[in-house]
C-alpha cells in the first residue's frame, strides 16, 4: 500500500513538472518570445513564469504592446523594457 502511494506521488510530481516546463519555454527566445505559443496566443511575459494566453483586456499587467487586445501596453515615462505596464 505504501509503495503504491509513493509511486502515485512521484507520478503526480512528474506530471506537474512537465506542465510547468511547458510554461517555462514561453518567452525563452528573446527575439521571438511568442515562438512556442499556439495560434491566437501570446507569451505573457508579465506573469511569473511567463505563460501563453490570448491577448489581455484593458487593465492587465503587460511588458509589451503585442500582449494587449488593444495592442497598447502603457508604461511610465522612462520605464525599462522589463518593467510592467498596463494594457489600455
Protein backbone atom coordinates (compact mmCIF):
# COMPACT_ATOMS: atom_id res chain seq x y z
CA UNK A 1 0.00 0.00 0.00
CA UNK A 2 2.76 2.42 0.95
CA UNK A 3 4.63 1.54 -2.25
CA UNK A 4 1.56 2.43 -4.36
CA UNK A 5 1.23 5.75 -2.55
CA UNK A 6 4.89 6.64 -3.16
CA UNK A 7 4.63 5.67 -6.86
CA UNK A 8 1.47 7.79 -7.20
CA UNK A 9 3.18 10.78 -5.61
CA UNK A 10 6.16 10.52 -7.97
CA UNK A 11 3.84 10.23 -10.98
CA UNK A 12 1.87 13.32 -9.91
CA UNK A 13 5.10 15.27 -9.39
CA UNK A 14 6.37 14.27 -12.84
CA UNK A 15 3.13 15.42 -14.49
CA UNK A 16 3.18 18.72 -12.62
CA UNK A 17 6.81 19.24 -13.60
CA UNK A 18 6.10 18.69 -17.29
CA UNK A 19 3.18 21.16 -17.23
CA UNK A 20 5.42 23.72 -15.52
CA UNK A 21 8.17 23.10 -18.07
CA UNK A 22 5.75 23.89 -20.93
CA UNK A 23 5.10 27.32 -19.41
CA UNK A 24 8.83 27.96 -18.94
CA UNK A 25 9.64 27.73 -22.68
CA UNK A 26 7.24 30.60 -23.36
CA UNK A 27 9.43 33.69 -23.83
CA UNK A 28 12.68 31.70 -23.87
CA UNK A 29 13.58 33.18 -27.28
CA UNK A 30 14.17 36.91 -26.70
CA UNK A 31 13.98 37.66 -30.44
CA UNK A 32 10.55 36.00 -30.72
CA UNK A 33 9.02 35.39 -27.26
CA UNK A 34 5.82 34.03 -28.83
CA UNK A 35 7.59 31.29 -30.83
CA UNK A 36 6.40 28.49 -28.52
CA UNK A 37 2.82 29.71 -28.20
CA UNK A 38 -0.02 28.27 -30.29
CA UNK A 39 -2.10 30.16 -32.81
CA UNK A 40 -4.02 33.06 -31.29
CA UNK A 41 -1.99 33.05 -28.07
CA UNK A 42 0.83 35.32 -26.96
CA UNK A 43 3.54 34.90 -24.33
CA UNK A 44 2.54 36.95 -21.29
CA UNK A 45 5.97 37.94 -20.01
CA UNK A 46 4.49 39.95 -17.11
CA UNK A 47 3.49 36.66 -15.42
CA UNK A 48 5.96 34.60 -13.43
CA UNK A 49 6.66 32.20 -15.02
CA UNK A 50 5.59 33.57 -18.41
CA UNK A 51 2.63 31.69 -19.94
CA UNK A 52 0.86 31.53 -23.31
CA UNK A 53 -2.55 33.20 -23.22
CA UNK A 54 -4.90 35.07 -25.56
CA UNK A 55 -4.34 38.86 -25.76
CA UNK A 56 -5.15 40.60 -22.48
CA UNK A 57 -8.05 43.01 -21.82
CA UNK A 58 -7.58 46.60 -20.60
CA UNK A 59 -6.14 46.94 -17.10
CA UNK A 60 -3.98 43.80 -17.15
CA UNK A 61 -0.22 43.84 -16.49
CA UNK A 62 1.92 43.83 -19.64
CA UNK A 63 5.51 44.24 -20.76
CA UNK A 64 4.93 44.80 -24.50
CA UNK A 65 2.15 46.06 -26.78
CA UNK A 66 1.53 42.76 -28.58
CA UNK A 67 0.09 41.02 -25.48
CA UNK A 68 -2.77 43.51 -25.14
CA UNK A 69 -6.03 43.16 -27.08
CA UNK A 70 -5.75 46.90 -27.78
CA UNK A 71 -2.10 46.44 -28.86
CA UNK A 72 -1.19 49.19 -26.36
CA UNK A 73 0.89 48.48 -23.25
CA UNK A 74 1.24 51.81 -21.48
CA UNK A 75 4.32 52.23 -19.29
CA UNK A 76 5.53 55.10 -17.15
CA UNK A 77 7.93 57.56 -18.78
CA UNK A 78 11.48 56.23 -18.60
CA UNK A 79 10.37 52.63 -17.96
CA UNK A 80 12.77 49.85 -18.92
CA UNK A 81 11.67 47.08 -21.34
CA UNK A 82 11.42 44.60 -18.45
CA UNK A 83 9.19 46.92 -16.37
CA UNK A 84 5.48 46.18 -16.24
CA UNK A 85 2.88 48.46 -17.76
CA UNK A 86 -0.90 48.34 -18.10
CA UNK A 87 -2.96 47.30 -21.13
CA UNK A 88 -5.05 50.20 -22.45
